[in-house]
C-alpha atoms as a PDB file:
ATOM      1  CA  MET A   1      -3.188  10.506  15.797  1.00  0.00           C
ATOM      2  CA  PRO A   2       0.050  11.530  14.122  1.00  0.00           C
ATOM      3  CA  LEU A   3       1.558  10.231  10.934  1.00  0.00           C
ATOM      4  CA  PRO A   4       4.054   7.397  11.199  1.00  0.00           C
ATOM      5  CA  LYS A   5       7.479   8.672  12.232  1.00  0.00           C
ATOM      6  CA  SER A   6       9.889   9.548   9.475  1.00  0.00           C
ATOM      7  CA  PRO A   7      13.528   8.575   9.950  1.00  0.00           C
ATOM      8  CA  ARG A   8      14.367  11.830   8.200  1.00  0.00           C
ATOM      9  CA  GLY A   9      12.119  13.955  10.429  1.00  0.00           C
ATOM     10  CA  CYS A  10      10.394  15.396   7.356  1.00  0.00           C
ATOM     11  CA  PRO A  11       6.573  15.722   7.346  1.00  0.00           C
ATOM     12  CA  MET A  12       6.441  15.106   3.577  1.00  0.00           C
ATOM     13  CA  ASP A  13       8.478  11.927   3.963  1.00  0.00           C
ATOM     14  CA  ALA A  14       6.091  10.707   6.686  1.00  0.00           C
ATOM     15  CA  LEU A  15       3.017  11.395   4.533  1.00  0.00           C
ATOM     16  CA  LEU A  16       4.521   9.725   1.468  1.00  0.00           C
ATOM     17  CA  ARG A  17       5.522   6.680   3.525  1.00  0.00           C
ATOM     18  CA  LEU A  18       1.904   6.392   4.664  1.00  0.00           C
ATOM     19  CA  LEU A  19       0.385   6.821   1.195  1.00  0.00           C
ATOM     20  CA  MET A  20       2.857   4.718  -0.758  1.00  0.00           C
ATOM     21  CA  GLY A  21       2.281   1.534   1.225  1.00  0.00           C
ATOM     22  CA  PRO A  22       0.820  -1.365  -0.728  1.00  0.00           C
ATOM     23  CA  TRP A  23      -2.821  -0.793  -1.718  1.00  0.00           C
ATOM     24  CA  THR A  24      -3.122   2.384   0.362  1.00  0.00           C
ATOM     25  CA  THR A  25      -3.991   4.898  -2.339  1.00  0.00           C
ATOM     26  CA  TYR A  26      -6.414   2.425  -3.919  1.00  0.00           C
ATOM     27  CA  ILE A  27      -8.189   1.903  -0.580  1.00  0.00           C
ATOM     28  CA  LEU A  28      -8.445   5.668  -0.131  1.00  0.00           C
ATOM     29  CA  TRP A  29      -9.712   6.065  -3.691  1.00  0.00           C
ATOM     30  CA  VAL A  30     -12.459   3.475  -3.177  1.00  0.00           C
ATOM     31  CA  LEU A  31     -13.554   5.054   0.109  1.00  0.00           C
ATOM     32  CA  ARG A  32     -13.515   8.517  -1.436  1.00  0.00           C
ATOM     33  CA  ASN A  33     -15.712   7.406  -4.320  1.00  0.00           C
ATOM     34  CA  ASN A  34     -18.056   5.086  -2.396  1.00  0.00           C
ATOM     35  CA  GLY A  35     -18.270   6.762   0.988  1.00  0.00           C
ATOM     36  CA  PRO A  36     -18.375   4.669   4.165  1.00  0.00           C
ATOM     37  CA  THR A  37     -17.955   1.025   3.202  1.00  0.00           C
ATOM     38  CA  ARG A  38     -18.169  -2.255   5.086  1.00  0.00           C
ATOM     39  CA  PHE A  39     -15.076  -4.437   5.250  1.00  0.00           C
ATOM     40  CA  GLY A  40     -16.381  -7.194   2.952  1.00  0.00           C
ATOM     41  CA  GLU A  41     -17.471  -4.750   0.274  1.00  0.00           C
ATOM     42  CA  LEU A  42     -14.169  -2.904   0.527  1.00  0.00           C
ATOM     43  CA  LYS A  43     -12.333  -6.203   0.018  1.00  0.00           C
ATOM     44  CA  ARG A  44     -14.430  -6.870  -3.119  1.00  0.00           C
ATOM     45  CA  GLN A  45     -13.832  -3.347  -4.446  1.00  0.00           C
ATOM     46  CA  VAL A  46     -10.059  -3.615  -3.946  1.00  0.00           C
ATOM     47  CA  GLY A  47      -9.750  -6.780  -5.997  1.00  0.00           C
ATOM     48  CA  GLY A  48      -6.728  -8.960  -5.333  1.00  0.00           C
ATOM     49  CA  ILE A  49      -6.002  -7.766  -1.794  1.00  0.00           C
ATOM     50  CA  SER A  50      -5.914 -10.337   0.991  1.00  0.00           C
ATOM     51  CA  ALA A  51      -7.960  -9.851   4.157  1.00  0.00           C
ATOM     52  CA  LYS A  52      -4.719  -9.740   6.173  1.00  0.00           C
ATOM     53  CA  VAL A  53      -3.179  -6.958   4.100  1.00  0.00           C
ATOM     54  CA  LEU A  54      -6.451  -5.005   3.969  1.00  0.00           C
ATOM     55  CA  THR A  55      -6.779  -5.232   7.746  1.00  0.00           C
ATOM     56  CA  SER A  56      -3.177  -4.090   8.186  1.00  0.00           C
ATOM     57  CA  ARG A  57      -3.572  -1.110   5.855  1.00  0.00           C
ATOM     58  CA  LEU A  58      -6.892  -0.095   7.440  1.00  0.00           C
ATOM     59  CA  ARG A  59      -5.356  -0.197  10.928  1.00  0.00           C
ATOM     60  CA  LEU A  60      -2.427   1.930   9.804  1.00  0.00           C
ATOM     61  CA  LEU A  61      -4.699   4.486   8.141  1.00  0.00           C
ATOM     62  CA  GLU A  62      -6.954   4.547  11.189  1.00  0.00           C
ATOM     63  CA  SER A  63      -3.993   5.090  13.522  1.00  0.00           C
ATOM     64  CA  ALA A  64      -2.873   8.005  11.311  1.00  0.00           C
ATOM     65  CA  GLY A  65      -6.326   9.568  11.633  1.00  0.00           C
ATOM     66  CA  VAL A  66      -7.136   9.179   7.935  1.00  0.00           C
ATOM     67  CA  LEU A  67      -9.924   6.609   8.406  1.00  0.00           C
ATOM     68  CA  SER A  68     -12.635   6.072  10.943  1.00  0.00           C
ATOM     69  CA  ARG A  69     -13.864   2.624  11.961  1.00  0.00           C
ATOM     70  CA  HIS A  70     -17.444   2.062  13.077  1.00  0.00           C
ATOM     71  CA  TYR A  71     -18.223  -1.264  14.751  1.00  0.00           C
ATOM     72  CA  GLU A  72     -21.774  -2.606  15.114  1.00  0.00           C
ATOM     73  CA  PRO A  73     -22.004  -5.573  17.513  1.00  0.00           C
ATOM     74  CA  THR A  74     -24.530  -7.502  15.427  1.00  0.00           C
ATOM     75  CA  ILE A  75     -24.449 -11.110  14.252  1.00  0.00           C
ATOM     76  CA  PRO A  76     -22.359 -11.135  12.160  1.00  0.00           C
ATOM     77  CA  PRO A  77     -20.513  -7.991  13.312  1.00  0.00           C
ATOM     78  CA  GLN A  78     -20.609  -5.041  10.917  1.00  0.00           C
ATOM     79  CA  VAL A  79     -17.503  -2.916  10.557  1.00  0.00           C
ATOM     80  CA  THR A  80     -17.701   0.157   8.363  1.00  0.00           C
ATOM     81  CA  TYR A  81     -14.772   2.331   7.318  1.00  0.00           C
ATOM     82  CA  GLY A  82     -14.954   5.914   6.139  1.00  0.00           C
ATOM     83  CA  LEU A  83     -12.686   8.867   5.578  1.00  0.00           C
ATOM     84  CA  THR A  84     -12.148  11.330   8.375  1.00  0.00           C
ATOM     85  CA  GLU A  85     -11.723  15.057   7.811  1.00  0.00           C
ATOM     86  CA  ARG A  86      -8.014  14.382   7.432  1.00  0.00           C
ATOM     87  CA  GLY A  87      -8.743  11.677   4.860  1.00  0.00           C
ATOM     88  CA  LEU A  88     -11.091  13.954   2.936  1.00  0.00           C
ATOM     89  CA  GLU A  89      -8.247  16.482   2.614  1.00  0.00           C
ATOM     90  CA  LEU A  90      -6.524  13.970   0.342  1.00  0.00           C
ATOM     91  CA  GLY A  91      -9.396  14.194  -2.172  1.00  0.00           C
ATOM     92  CA  GLY A  92      -7.699  16.802  -4.345  1.00  0.00           C
ATOM     93  CA  VAL A  93      -4.491  14.781  -4.495  1.00  0.00           C
ATOM     94  CA  LEU A  94      -6.395  11.627  -5.430  1.00  0.00           C
ATOM     95  CA  GLU A  95      -8.360  13.495  -8.125  1.00  0.00           C
ATOM     96  CA  ARG A  96      -5.152  14.862  -9.610  1.00  0.00           C
ATOM     97  CA  LEU A  97      -3.512  11.425  -9.608  1.00  0.00           C
ATOM     98  CA  SER A  98      -6.600  10.022 -11.326  1.00  0.00           C
ATOM     99  CA  ALA A  99      -6.458  12.698 -14.018  1.00  0.00           C
ATOM    100  CA  ILE A 100      -2.777  11.973 -14.647  1.00  0.00           C
ATOM    101  CA  ALA A 101      -3.423   8.199 -14.776  1.00  0.00           C
ATOM    102  CA  LEU A 102      -6.232   8.646 -17.305  1.00  0.00           C
ATOM    103  CA  ALA A 103      -4.118  10.989 -19.459  1.00  0.00           C
ATOM    104  CA  TRP A 104      -1.175   8.589 -19.453  1.00  0.00           C
ATOM    105  CA  GLU A 105      -3.468   5.657 -20.272  1.00  0.00           C
ATOM    106  CA  ALA A 106      -4.903   7.579 -23.245  1.00  0.00           C
ATOM    107  CA  LYS A 107      -1.401   8.473 -24.503  1.00  0.00           C
ATOM    108  CA  ASP A 108      -0.198   4.900 -24.112  1.00  0.00           C
ATOM    109  CA  SER A 109      -3.160   3.446 -25.997  1.00  0.00           C
ATOM    110  CA  THR A 110      -2.716   6.024 -28.774  1.00  0.00           C
ATOM    111  CA  ALA A 111       0.975   5.121 -29.049  1.00  0.00           C
ATOM    112  CA  LYS A 112       0.141   1.395 -29.272  1.00  0.00           C
ATOM    113  CA  ALA A 113      -2.389   2.023 -32.037  1.00  0.00           C
ATOM    114  CA  ALA A 114       0.120   3.985 -34.120  1.00  0.00           C
END
């Protein structure tokens, strides 16, 4: 599936619109670090997100081909989400963002201590 349409017609704009939605990068980060994860566990890992917003973000990411959804018709039903090949391509970007976040956190805590 394609990325959401960009009003500017720019592929970078479309990708950034997808990634910059609320909770999106955090959801991707959790799935990248934990591998395929059931909905309930994903909700616990992404603390503070509502089930409605999580469902919305997961559907959007699935429609963009970034996530896969595996449904097991058990009682209760088991739904597991994982990164697709397209989602795994974002790993380097997420790693780099993590490194920057950790560096900035270290600088900020050093500045507060001074």
